[in-house]
Amino acid sequence: MLTSDRVKAKARDLGFDLCGVAPAEAFPELAFLSEWLDLGYAGEMAYMVRTADRRADVRAVLPGARSVIVTGTIYNTDRPYSTDTPGRDVARIARYAWGDDYHDVLKARLEALLDWIRASLAPSEVEGFDARAYVDTGPVQERVYAQYAGLGWIGKNTCLINPELGSWLFLAEIICTLPLEPDAQGLEQCGSCTRCLEACPTGALREAGVLDSTRCLSYLTIELRSAIPEPHRSALGAHVYGCDICQEVCPYNQAPPRSGDPTWQPRAGLDRPRLAELWRRSDADLRALTKGSAMRRAKLTGLRRNLAVAIGNSADPDALAALAQRSPDWPSAEEGMVQEHVDWALERAG
């Protein structure tokens, strides 16, 4: 008979750093999603509203589900935090996006684990077995299930925090009909610490565990497809894709383990690049640089928009000179939305 321990051992063999099992139940924390959506904190992420009912319980995704196998993968690499990076002209890119797209990498590993599970089932277990594998794309509140699978707890910054590994973790899961033995729930260990709430430059963490996405730099630079609201542009600083501030200040991330997996190491063009260097790249170069990267989600116009704001905030002469230039190799820079932010940046810099 296939056991939880065997599944965890195989997960480690496949490159996952953590693996636990949660029962497929409607945990109390899952109900907060409806309230969060009513507050308008999802912003333009309409898919959150469309899938709200399915996100309320994994059994709405897979009828007959009994267990949720949750994995965690360290993506922290040997590079300084953005708050330690010198120079106003250095672009800040969220750590998870430096290397290859985690969706593709972890989905392949997850499918390998699922294939192994199927092959390991006893004849009596094969009939009626069903499963779904997701890497941050399915209608699953994965942090809740990760907490109940014993991988850690949901911190005040809304990230899953493991007491030994910190929060630089990719989560992925397999929902299945197997009655696997569940792990003990992870217990909250933030205590009275409020560093993440105090450090957020836009006050997006309205209270412990409550994130207003419409104010979050990650949402503003990735999910938002329209213009960045002017009141938040200055707070972007040099962020051109995502934000790690609330994780960088977390005590559990002050000496976290680092991954040597080549998959997560920063690409040459994304290893603390200068703002001017990124702006001067042709559209073709930017596409090549971000091919197979999570940064593709922002699209070229989104990336140009973000770069314009960051350059305006930097007041770096070389970057501003680049911003004022025109080139037939940068058609995305001529888009109306991008030009609005270019004009704002140049005016801000005087």
Protein backbone atom coordinates (compact mmCIF):
# COMPACT_ATOMS: atom_id res chain seq x y z
CA MET A 1 0.00 0.00 0.00
CA LEU A 2 1.27 3.46 -0.90
CA THR A 3 2.06 5.49 2.23
CA SER A 4 2.67 9.17 2.95
CA ASP A 5 6.28 8.42 3.90
CA ARG A 6 6.99 6.79 0.53
CA VAL A 7 5.46 9.73 -1.32
CA LYS A 8 7.59 12.20 0.66
CA ALA A 9 10.76 10.22 0.02
CA LYS A 10 10.08 10.17 -3.72
CA ALA A 11 9.35 13.90 -3.68
CA ARG A 12 12.77 14.54 -2.16
CA ASP A 13 14.39 12.35 -4.82
CA LEU A 14 12.75 14.49 -7.50
CA GLY A 15 14.17 17.73 -6.11
CA PHE A 16 11.47 19.00 -3.77
CA ASP A 17 12.83 20.31 -0.45
CA LEU A 18 9.58 19.85 1.48
CA CYS A 19 6.60 17.56 1.15
CA GLY A 20 3.60 17.06 3.38
CA VAL A 21 0.03 15.82 3.24
CA ALA A 22 -3.13 17.70 4.19
CA PRO A 23 -6.62 16.23 4.30
CA ALA A 24 -8.95 17.51 1.59
CA GLU A 25 -11.24 19.46 3.88
CA ALA A 26 -12.90 22.87 3.98
CA PHE A 27 -10.61 24.53 6.52
CA PRO A 28 -11.82 27.73 8.24
CA GLU A 29 -9.07 29.84 6.62
CA LEU A 30 -10.45 29.06 3.16
CA ALA A 31 -13.61 31.05 3.87
CA PHE A 32 -11.72 34.36 4.12
CA LEU A 33 -11.32 34.49 0.33
CA SER A 34 -14.94 35.57 -0.13
CA GLU A 35 -14.53 38.45 2.33
CA TRP A 36 -11.23 39.45 0.70
CA LEU A 37 -12.86 39.62 -2.72
CA ASP A 38 -15.76 41.68 -1.36
CA LEU A 39 -13.24 44.22 -0.06
CA GLY A 40 -12.02 44.68 -3.64
CA TYR A 41 -8.50 43.58 -2.78
CA ALA A 42 -8.19 41.43 -5.92
CA GLY A 43 -8.11 44.50 -8.15
CA GLU A 44 -8.14 43.57 -11.84
CA MET A 45 -7.53 39.88 -11.15
CA ALA A 46 -10.96 38.85 -12.41
CA TYR A 47 -9.94 35.19 -12.51
CA MET A 48 -9.97 35.19 -8.70
CA VAL A 49 -13.66 36.11 -8.74
CA ARG A 50 -14.51 33.62 -11.51
CA THR A 51 -12.95 30.73 -9.59
CA ALA A 52 -13.93 31.76 -6.06
CA ASP A 53 -16.35 28.85 -5.54
CA ARG A 54 -13.76 26.28 -6.63
CA ARG A 55 -11.07 27.90 -4.48
CA ALA A 56 -13.24 27.46 -1.41
CA ASP A 57 -12.65 23.68 -1.32
CA VAL A 58 -10.40 21.41 -3.39
CA ARG A 59 -13.23 18.90 -3.56
CA ALA A 60 -14.92 21.36 -5.94
CA VAL A 61 -11.86 20.91 -8.17
CA LEU A 62 -11.68 17.14 -7.79
CA PRO A 63 -14.82 15.43 -6.50
CA GLY A 64 -13.86 12.58 -4.23
CA ALA A 65 -10.54 14.15 -3.22
CA ARG A 66 -9.17 12.77 0.04
CA SER A 67 -5.65 14.21 0.26
CA VAL A 68 -3.57 17.17 -0.89
CA ILE A 69 0.14 16.45 -1.32
CA VAL A 70 1.94 19.79 -0.98
CA THR A 71 5.56 20.36 -1.96
CA GLY A 72 7.95 23.22 -1.21
CA THR A 73 11.06 24.12 -3.22
CA ILE A 74 13.77 26.56 -2.12
CA TYR A 75 14.57 29.21 -4.72
CA ASN A 76 16.81 31.47 -2.66
CA THR A 77 20.19 32.00 -4.33
CA ASP A 78 23.57 33.43 -3.35
CA ARG A 79 22.77 37.08 -4.04
CA PRO A 80 22.20 40.07 -1.73
CA TYR A 81 18.74 41.29 -0.90
CA SER A 82 17.40 44.23 -2.89
CA THR A 83 17.64 46.45 0.18
CA ASP A 84 21.37 45.66 0.29
CA THR A 85 22.00 46.34 -3.41
CA PRO A 86 23.94 49.59 -3.84
CA GLY A 87 23.21 52.09 -6.58
CA ARG A 88 20.03 53.94 -7.48
CA ASP A 89 20.40 52.77 -11.07
CA VAL A 90 20.07 49.02 -10.33
CA ALA A 91 16.74 47.44 -11.33
CA ARG A 92 14.99 45.42 -8.65
CA ILE A 93 13.46 42.17 -9.84
CA ALA A 94 11.67 39.70 -7.54
CA ARG A 95 13.98 36.84 -6.60
CA TYR A 96 11.65 34.13 -7.91
CA ALA A 97 11.85 35.52 -11.45
CA TRP A 98 15.65 35.54 -11.85
CA GLY A 99 15.92 32.05 -13.29
CA ASP A 100 13.68 29.74 -15.28
CA ASP A 101 9.91 29.81 -15.02
CA TYR A 102 9.02 27.81 -11.92
CA HIS A 103 5.65 26.86 -13.39
CA ASP A 104 7.30 24.78 -16.11
CA VAL A 105 10.11 23.35 -14.00
CA LEU A 106 7.99 22.28 -11.05
CA LYS A 107 5.11 21.05 -13.19
CA ALA A 108 7.50 18.56 -14.82
CA ARG A 109 8.70 17.37 -11.40
CA LEU A 110 5.13 17.19 -10.11
CA GLU A 111 4.03 15.14 -13.13
CA ALA A 112 6.98 12.79 -12.50
CA LEU A 113 5.82 12.36 -8.91
CA LEU A 114 2.26 11.71 -10.06
CA ASP A 115 3.43 9.15 -12.63
CA TRP A 116 5.38 7.38 -9.88
CA ILE A 117 2.32 7.38 -7.61
CA ARG A 118 0.20 5.81 -10.32
CA ALA A 119 2.84 3.16 -11.01
CA SER A 120 3.17 2.42 -7.28
CA LEU A 121 -0.51 1.83 -6.59
CA ALA A 122 -1.68 -1.62 -5.63
CA PRO A 123 -4.25 -3.18 -7.99
CA SER A 124 -6.96 -2.50 -5.42
CA GLU A 125 -6.00 1.20 -5.36
CA VAL A 126 -5.88 1.79 -9.12
CA GLU A 127 -9.62 1.61 -9.69
CA GLY A 128 -11.19 4.95 -8.99
CA PHE A 129 -7.89 6.78 -8.52
CA ASP A 130 -7.88 10.35 -9.79
CA ALA A 131 -5.62 13.36 -9.27
CA ARG A 132 -4.89 16.93 -10.34
CA ALA A 133 -1.45 18.58 -10.24
CA TYR A 134 -1.03 22.36 -9.99
CA VAL A 135 1.84 24.83 -9.76
CA ASP A 136 0.34 28.18 -8.73
CA THR A 137 -2.13 28.09 -11.61
CA GLY A 138 -5.06 26.03 -10.36
CA PRO A 139 -8.02 27.24 -8.29
CA VAL A 140 -6.36 26.17 -5.04
CA GLN A 141 -5.53 28.18 -1.92
CA GLU A 142 -2.23 26.37 -1.67
CA ARG A 143 -0.83 28.22 1.33
CA VAL A 144 -3.74 27.05 3.46
CA TYR A 145 -3.19 23.43 2.47
CA ALA A 146 0.58 23.85 2.89
CA GLN A 147 -0.03 24.96 6.47
CA TYR A 148 -2.24 21.97 7.17
CA ALA A 149 0.34 19.72 5.50
CA GLY A 150 2.87 20.87 8.09
CA LEU A 151 5.14 22.83 5.74
CA GLY A 152 4.91 25.97 7.85
CA TRP A 153 2.42 28.70 8.67
CA ILE A 154 0.91 31.66 6.82
CA GLY A 155 2.82 34.68 8.08
CA LYS A 156 1.64 38.22 8.62
CA ASN A 157 3.03 39.03 5.16
CA THR A 158 0.68 36.32 3.75
CA CYS A 159 3.65 34.14 2.67
CA LEU A 160 4.12 30.59 3.87
CA ILE A 161 7.01 30.55 6.35
CA ASN A 162 8.93 27.44 7.33
CA PRO A 163 10.76 27.75 10.68
CA GLU A 164 14.00 26.30 9.25
CA LEU A 165 13.84 27.30 5.58
CA GLY A 166 12.15 30.70 5.72
CA SER A 167 9.72 31.79 3.02
CA TRP A 168 11.73 31.64 -0.23
CA LEU A 169 9.63 28.64 -1.26
CA PHE A 170 7.73 27.66 -4.38
CA LEU A 171 4.58 25.70 -3.54
CA ALA A 172 3.01 23.03 -5.74
CA GLU A 173 0.42 20.37 -5.02
CA ILE A 174 -1.28 17.18 -6.10
CA ILE A 175 -4.93 16.78 -5.18
CA CYS A 176 -5.81 13.09 -5.16
CA THR A 177 -8.36 10.52 -4.08
CA LEU A 178 -5.91 8.49 -1.98
CA PRO A 179 -6.59 8.42 1.79
CA LEU A 180 -3.00 9.26 2.76
CA GLU A 181 -2.05 9.87 6.39
CA PRO A 182 -2.03 13.66 6.98
CA ASP A 183 0.67 15.64 8.74
CA ALA A 184 0.25 17.85 11.78
CA GLN A 185 -0.72 21.44 11.03
CA GLY A 186 2.05 24.06 11.04
CA LEU A 187 1.74 26.45 13.99
CA GLU A 188 2.00 30.24 13.76
CA GLN A 189 5.37 31.56 14.95
CA CYS A 190 5.36 35.24 13.95
CA GLY A 191 4.64 36.29 17.53
CA SER A 192 4.55 40.04 18.06
CA CYS A 193 6.83 40.82 15.07
CA THR A 194 5.41 43.38 12.64
CA ARG A 195 8.48 44.11 10.49
CA CYS A 196 6.75 43.17 7.23
CA LEU A 197 3.77 45.44 7.89
CA GLU A 198 6.03 48.36 8.76
CA ALA A 199 8.36 47.86 5.79
CA CYS A 200 5.74 47.74 3.02
CA PRO A 201 6.22 51.01 1.09
CA THR A 202 2.56 51.33 0.09
CA GLY A 203 0.85 49.95 3.19
CA ALA A 204 -0.49 47.04 1.17
CA LEU A 205 -0.52 44.85 4.29
CA ARG A 206 -3.61 46.40 5.82
CA GLU A 207 -3.28 44.17 8.87
CA ALA A 208 -1.61 40.93 9.77
CA GLY A 209 -2.35 38.40 7.02
CA VAL A 210 -4.50 40.78 4.96
CA LEU A 211 -2.98 42.00 1.67
CA ASP A 212 -4.62 44.69 -0.43
CA SER A 213 -3.31 43.64 -3.84
CA THR A 214 -4.24 46.96 -5.42
CA ARG A 215 -1.49 48.61 -3.35
CA CYS A 216 1.09 45.79 -3.58
CA LEU A 217 4.15 46.48 -5.75
CA SER A 218 4.00 42.94 -7.11
CA TYR A 219 0.44 43.45 -8.31
CA LEU A 220 1.20 46.92 -9.67
CA THR A 221 4.20 45.73 -11.70
CA ILE A 222 2.87 42.33 -12.83
CA GLU A 223 -0.88 41.81 -12.66
CA LEU A 224 -2.04 45.36 -13.40
CA ARG A 225 -2.46 45.85 -17.15
CA SER A 226 -3.42 49.51 -17.09
CA ALA A 227 -1.58 52.61 -15.85
CA ILE A 228 0.02 52.52 -12.42
CA PRO A 229 -1.89 54.96 -10.17
CA GLU A 230 0.22 58.09 -9.67
CA PRO A 231 0.05 58.01 -5.86
CA HIS A 232 1.92 54.68 -5.91
CA ARG A 233 4.55 55.43 -8.56
CA SER A 234 7.10 56.99 -6.24
CA ALA A 235 6.81 54.03 -3.86
CA LEU A 236 7.91 51.71 -6.66
CA GLY A 237 11.44 52.96 -6.31
CA ALA A 238 13.57 50.83 -8.66
CA HIS A 239 11.19 47.85 -8.70
CA VAL A 240 10.58 46.76 -12.29
CA TYR A 241 9.10 43.30 -11.63
CA GLY A 242 7.63 42.25 -8.32
CA CYS A 243 8.78 43.06 -4.80
CA ASP A 244 10.51 41.10 -2.01
CA ILE A 245 10.58 43.67 0.78
CA CYS A 246 8.13 41.95 3.11
CA GLN A 247 10.15 38.73 2.83
CA GLU A 248 13.57 40.36 3.06
CA VAL A 249 12.82 41.95 6.44
CA CYS A 250 11.37 38.74 7.91
CA PRO A 251 13.52 37.35 10.77
CA TYR A 252 13.14 33.85 9.35
CA ASN A 253 14.85 35.00 6.15
CA GLN A 254 17.95 36.53 7.72
CA ALA A 255 20.07 33.38 7.27
CA PRO A 256 18.00 31.06 5.06
CA PRO A 257 19.43 28.12 3.09
CA ARG A 258 20.42 28.77 -0.52
CA SER A 259 19.67 26.62 -3.52
CA GLY A 260 22.44 25.50 -5.83
CA ASP A 261 19.94 24.34 -8.45
CA PRO A 262 21.00 25.91 -11.77
CA THR A 263 17.32 26.39 -12.57
CA TRP A 264 16.92 29.20 -10.03
CA GLN A 265 20.24 30.99 -10.56
CA PRO A 266 19.89 34.49 -12.08
CA ARG A 267 20.33 34.81 -15.81
CA ALA A 268 23.21 37.04 -16.86
CA GLY A 269 20.90 39.82 -18.03
CA LEU A 270 18.77 39.65 -14.88
CA ASP A 271 21.60 39.61 -12.34
CA ARG A 272 21.27 43.10 -10.84
CA PRO A 273 20.95 44.83 -14.23
CA ARG A 274 21.14 48.59 -14.60
CA LEU A 275 17.93 50.41 -15.49
CA ALA A 276 19.51 52.09 -18.52
CA GLU A 277 20.80 48.75 -19.78
CA LEU A 278 17.35 47.18 -19.64
CA TRP A 279 15.63 50.16 -21.27
CA ARG A 280 18.09 50.26 -24.16
CA ARG A 281 17.53 46.62 -25.01
CA SER A 282 15.49 46.11 -28.16
CA ASP A 283 12.10 44.45 -27.90
CA ALA A 284 13.64 41.37 -29.51
CA ASP A 285 16.39 41.30 -26.88
CA LEU A 286 13.90 41.67 -24.03
CA ARG A 287 11.83 38.82 -25.42
CA ALA A 288 14.94 36.63 -25.67
CA LEU A 289 16.04 37.60 -22.17
CA THR A 290 12.69 36.71 -20.62
CA LYS A 291 11.96 33.62 -22.72
CA GLY A 292 11.17 30.72 -20.40
CA SER A 293 11.03 33.14 -17.48
CA ALA A 294 8.18 34.11 -15.17
CA MET A 295 8.80 37.70 -16.25
CA ARG A 296 6.87 37.04 -19.45
CA ARG A 297 3.68 37.57 -17.42
CA ALA A 298 4.18 41.35 -17.34
CA LYS A 299 4.42 41.51 -21.16
CA LEU A 300 6.73 43.97 -22.90
CA THR A 301 4.48 46.98 -22.43
CA GLY A 302 4.18 46.24 -18.72
CA LEU A 303 7.94 45.90 -18.36
CA ARG A 304 8.58 49.14 -20.27
CA ARG A 305 5.97 50.91 -18.14
CA ASN A 306 7.66 49.70 -14.95
CA LEU A 307 11.12 50.65 -16.22
CA ALA A 308 9.94 54.17 -17.02
CA VAL A 309 8.63 54.68 -13.49
CA ALA A 310 11.77 53.21 -11.94
CA ILE A 311 13.99 55.47 -14.06
CA GLY A 312 11.96 58.51 -13.06
CA ASN A 313 12.39 57.56 -9.40
CA SER A 314 16.12 56.92 -9.80
CA ALA A 315 17.02 60.30 -11.27
CA ASP A 316 20.02 58.52 -12.79
CA PRO A 317 21.37 60.69 -15.65
CA ASP A 318 22.28 57.77 -17.91
CA ALA A 319 18.90 56.10 -17.44
CA LEU A 320 17.05 59.36 -18.03
CA ALA A 321 19.03 59.95 -21.20
CA ALA A 322 18.04 56.48 -22.39
CA LEU A 323 14.40 57.17 -21.55
CA ALA A 324 14.40 60.31 -23.69
CA GLN A 325 15.71 58.44 -26.72
CA ARG A 326 13.64 56.83 -29.46
CA SER A 327 14.43 53.73 -31.49
CA PRO A 328 12.62 51.66 -34.12
CA ASP A 329 13.83 48.62 -32.16
CA TRP A 330 11.60 49.61 -29.22
CA PRO A 331 8.06 49.62 -30.64
CA SER A 332 6.65 48.67 -27.24
CA ALA A 333 8.00 51.98 -25.88
CA GLU A 334 5.72 53.86 -28.27
CA GLU A 335 2.54 52.40 -26.80
CA GLY A 336 0.29 55.07 -25.32
CA MET A 337 0.31 53.66 -21.81
CA VAL A 338 4.11 53.38 -21.79
CA GLN A 339 4.54 56.92 -23.10
CA GLU A 340 2.31 58.24 -20.31
CA HIS A 341 4.75 56.82 -17.77
CA VAL A 342 7.77 58.03 -19.75
CA ASP A 343 6.36 61.57 -19.71
CA TRP A 344 5.70 61.28 -15.97
CA ALA A 345 9.24 60.08 -15.34
CA LEU A 346 10.89 62.84 -17.35
CA GLU A 347 8.73 65.50 -15.74
CA ARG A 348 9.49 64.09 -12.28
CA ALA A 349 13.19 64.28 -13.02
CA GLY A 350 12.86 67.84 -14.26
